[in-house]
Amino acid sequence: MLLDESGFLDCNKATLQIMGSGSQEDFCSKHSSDYSPPEQPCGTDSFSLAQEKIFAAMTTGSQHFEWIHQRCTRSKINRQSVNGYHRNSLAINRKSKNKGDAI
């Protein structure tokens, strides 16, 4: 996925499949928090925390953190994900309920 401060710019077919989005246009029309539950496990709302992480990555060059994602249908993708924002790209490494076990 490619993004900037205003939102997603591009994605590949795997992203569409994982997130359950029908098209690249549909996917890019949403904020990253739209693919997350209302709150993250730390208690912070997903929108505010996503904005914070994106801003920090744009400022420092990268951010690595755990994040809960969900599909467009609101079904959870997994319990925990490790995300890395690096300038304008987002990489999601999926992990299972037991950290480290691949899905």
C-alpha atoms as a PDB file:
ATOM      1  CA  MET A   1       0.000   0.000   0.000  1.00  0.00           C
ATOM      2  CA  LEU A   2       1.170   3.503  -0.718  1.00  0.00           C
ATOM      3  CA  LEU A   3      -0.114   6.433   1.279  1.00  0.00           C
ATOM      4  CA  ASP A   4       0.531  10.005   2.252  1.00  0.00           C
ATOM      5  CA  GLU A   5      -0.945  12.347   4.847  1.00  0.00           C
ATOM      6  CA  SER A   6      -4.218  12.503   2.924  1.00  0.00           C
ATOM      7  CA  GLY A   7      -4.761   8.734   2.614  1.00  0.00           C
ATOM      8  CA  PHE A   8      -4.089   5.719   0.422  1.00  0.00           C
ATOM      9  CA  LEU A   9      -2.683   6.355  -3.048  1.00  0.00           C
ATOM     10  CA  ASP A  10      -2.297   2.815  -4.404  1.00  0.00           C
ATOM     11  CA  CYS A  11      -2.500  -0.860  -3.466  1.00  0.00           C
ATOM     12  CA  ASN A  12      -1.977  -4.276  -5.019  1.00  0.00           C
ATOM     13  CA  LYS A  13      -4.361  -7.215  -5.517  1.00  0.00           C
ATOM     14  CA  ALA A  14      -3.207  -8.903  -2.319  1.00  0.00           C
ATOM     15  CA  THR A  15      -4.225  -5.830  -0.328  1.00  0.00           C
ATOM     16  CA  LEU A  16      -7.691  -5.880  -1.899  1.00  0.00           C
ATOM     17  CA  GLN A  17      -8.070  -9.557  -1.057  1.00  0.00           C
ATOM     18  CA  ILE A  18      -6.819  -9.245   2.524  1.00  0.00           C
ATOM     19  CA  MET A  19      -8.940  -6.183   3.302  1.00  0.00           C
ATOM     20  CA  GLY A  20     -12.001  -7.436   1.426  1.00  0.00           C
ATOM     21  CA  SER A  21     -12.200  -4.375  -0.776  1.00  0.00           C
ATOM     22  CA  GLY A  22     -13.776  -4.669  -4.209  1.00  0.00           C
ATOM     23  CA  SER A  23     -11.535  -2.294  -6.130  1.00  0.00           C
ATOM     24  CA  GLN A  24      -8.484  -0.104  -5.868  1.00  0.00           C
ATOM     25  CA  GLU A  25     -10.709   2.984  -6.082  1.00  0.00           C
ATOM     26  CA  ASP A  26     -12.859   1.725  -3.202  1.00  0.00           C
ATOM     27  CA  PHE A  27      -9.822   0.881  -1.094  1.00  0.00           C
ATOM     28  CA  CYS A  28      -8.123   4.225  -1.724  1.00  0.00           C
ATOM     29  CA  SER A  29     -11.296   6.151  -0.866  1.00  0.00           C
ATOM     30  CA  LYS A  30     -11.069   5.041   2.770  1.00  0.00           C
ATOM     31  CA  HIS A  31      -8.864   6.043   5.693  1.00  0.00           C
ATOM     32  CA  SER A  32      -6.588   3.407   7.198  1.00  0.00           C
ATOM     33  CA  SER A  33      -8.739   3.466  10.345  1.00  0.00           C
ATOM     34  CA  ASP A  34     -11.683   2.254   8.246  1.00  0.00           C
ATOM     35  CA  TYR A  35      -9.839  -1.082   8.162  1.00  0.00           C
ATOM     36  CA  SER A  36      -9.567  -1.176  11.962  1.00  0.00           C
ATOM     37  CA  PRO A  37     -11.892  -1.606  14.939  1.00  0.00           C
ATOM     38  CA  PRO A  38     -13.018   1.639  16.606  1.00  0.00           C
ATOM     39  CA  GLU A  39     -10.325   1.285  19.284  1.00  0.00           C
ATOM     40  CA  GLN A  40      -6.931  -0.358  19.448  1.00  0.00           C
ATOM     41  CA  PRO A  41      -6.033  -2.558  22.474  1.00  0.00           C
ATOM     42  CA  CYS A  42      -4.299   0.397  24.156  1.00  0.00           C
ATOM     43  CA  GLY A  43      -7.697   2.137  24.358  1.00  0.00           C
ATOM     44  CA  THR A  44      -6.894   4.844  21.805  1.00  0.00           C
ATOM     45  CA  ASP A  45      -9.348   5.307  18.956  1.00  0.00           C
ATOM     46  CA  SER A  46      -8.004   3.866  15.700  1.00  0.00           C
ATOM     47  CA  PHE A  47      -8.401   7.078  13.702  1.00  0.00           C
ATOM     48  CA  SER A  48      -6.332   9.209  16.103  1.00  0.00           C
ATOM     49  CA  LEU A  49      -3.687   6.544  16.566  1.00  0.00           C
ATOM     50  CA  ALA A  50      -3.413   5.948  12.800  1.00  0.00           C
ATOM     51  CA  GLN A  51      -2.958   9.675  12.225  1.00  0.00           C
ATOM     52  CA  GLU A  52      -0.273   9.753  14.922  1.00  0.00           C
ATOM     53  CA  LYS A  53       1.624   6.787  13.423  1.00  0.00           C
ATOM     54  CA  ILE A  54       1.386   8.124   9.860  1.00  0.00           C
ATOM     55  CA  PHE A  55       2.617  11.566  10.951  1.00  0.00           C
ATOM     56  CA  ALA A  56       5.482  10.020  12.932  1.00  0.00           C
ATOM     57  CA  ALA A  57       6.529   7.908   9.931  1.00  0.00           C
ATOM     58  CA  MET A  58       6.404  10.887   7.603  1.00  0.00           C
ATOM     59  CA  THR A  59       8.508  12.859  10.087  1.00  0.00           C
ATOM     60  CA  THR A  60      11.065  10.245  11.159  1.00  0.00           C
ATOM     61  CA  GLY A  61      11.107   7.968   8.111  1.00  0.00           C
ATOM     62  CA  SER A  62       9.615   4.823   9.681  1.00  0.00           C
ATOM     63  CA  GLN A  63       7.459   3.420  12.463  1.00  0.00           C
ATOM     64  CA  HIS A  64       7.022  -0.170  13.628  1.00  0.00           C
ATOM     65  CA  PHE A  65       4.084  -1.074  15.859  1.00  0.00           C
ATOM     66  CA  GLU A  66       1.345  -3.601  16.542  1.00  0.00           C
ATOM     67  CA  TRP A  67      -2.113  -2.962  15.117  1.00  0.00           C
ATOM     68  CA  ILE A  68      -5.463  -4.719  14.972  1.00  0.00           C
ATOM     69  CA  HIS A  69      -6.952  -4.754  11.458  1.00  0.00           C
ATOM     70  CA  GLN A  70     -10.334  -5.794  10.139  1.00  0.00           C
ATOM     71  CA  ARG A  71     -11.842  -6.289   6.709  1.00  0.00           C
ATOM     72  CA  CYS A  72     -14.464  -4.058   5.113  1.00  0.00           C
ATOM     73  CA  THR A  73     -17.052  -6.519   6.451  1.00  0.00           C
ATOM     74  CA  ARG A  74     -15.743  -5.774   9.965  1.00  0.00           C
ATOM     75  CA  SER A  75     -14.484  -9.355  10.421  1.00  0.00           C
ATOM     76  CA  LYS A  76     -11.080  -9.398  12.071  1.00  0.00           C
ATOM     77  CA  ILE A  77      -8.146 -10.350   9.920  1.00  0.00           C
ATOM     78  CA  ASN A  78      -6.166 -11.548  12.893  1.00  0.00           C
ATOM     79  CA  ARG A  79      -5.535 -10.634  16.459  1.00  0.00           C
ATOM     80  CA  GLN A  80      -2.321  -8.778  15.982  1.00  0.00           C
ATOM     81  CA  SER A  81      -0.353  -7.352  13.104  1.00  0.00           C
ATOM     82  CA  VAL A  82       3.027  -5.739  13.003  1.00  0.00           C
ATOM     83  CA  ASN A  83       2.980  -2.752  10.678  1.00  0.00           C
ATOM     84  CA  GLY A  84       5.820  -0.728   9.346  1.00  0.00           C
ATOM     85  CA  TYR A  85       5.198   2.683   7.868  1.00  0.00           C
ATOM     86  CA  HIS A  86       8.221   3.764   5.878  1.00  0.00           C
ATOM     87  CA  ARG A  87       7.779   7.195   4.368  1.00  0.00           C
ATOM     88  CA  ASN A  88       4.834   6.593   2.056  1.00  0.00           C
ATOM     89  CA  SER A  89       4.366   2.830   2.153  1.00  0.00           C
ATOM     90  CA  LEU A  90       2.662   0.556   4.652  1.00  0.00           C
ATOM     91  CA  ALA A  91       3.692  -3.058   5.051  1.00  0.00           C
ATOM     92  CA  ILE A  92       1.507  -5.427   7.034  1.00  0.00           C
ATOM     93  CA  ASN A  93       3.054  -8.621   8.325  1.00  0.00           C
ATOM     94  CA  ARG A  94       0.174 -10.787   9.452  1.00  0.00           C
ATOM     95  CA  LYS A  95       0.528 -12.786  12.648  1.00  0.00           C
ATOM     96  CA  SER A  96      -1.830 -15.157  14.377  1.00  0.00           C
ATOM     97  CA  LYS A  97      -3.274 -15.022  17.886  1.00  0.00           C
ATOM     98  CA  ASN A  98      -0.017 -16.534  19.068  1.00  0.00           C
ATOM     99  CA  LYS A  99       2.495 -13.924  18.032  1.00  0.00           C
ATOM    100  CA  GLY A 100       4.957 -15.272  15.514  1.00  0.00           C
ATOM    101  CA  ASP A 101       2.768 -18.052  14.102  1.00  0.00           C
ATOM    102  CA  ALA A 102       1.946 -17.277  10.490  1.00  0.00           C
ATOM    103  CA  ILE A 103      -1.674 -17.366   9.378  1.00  0.00           C
END
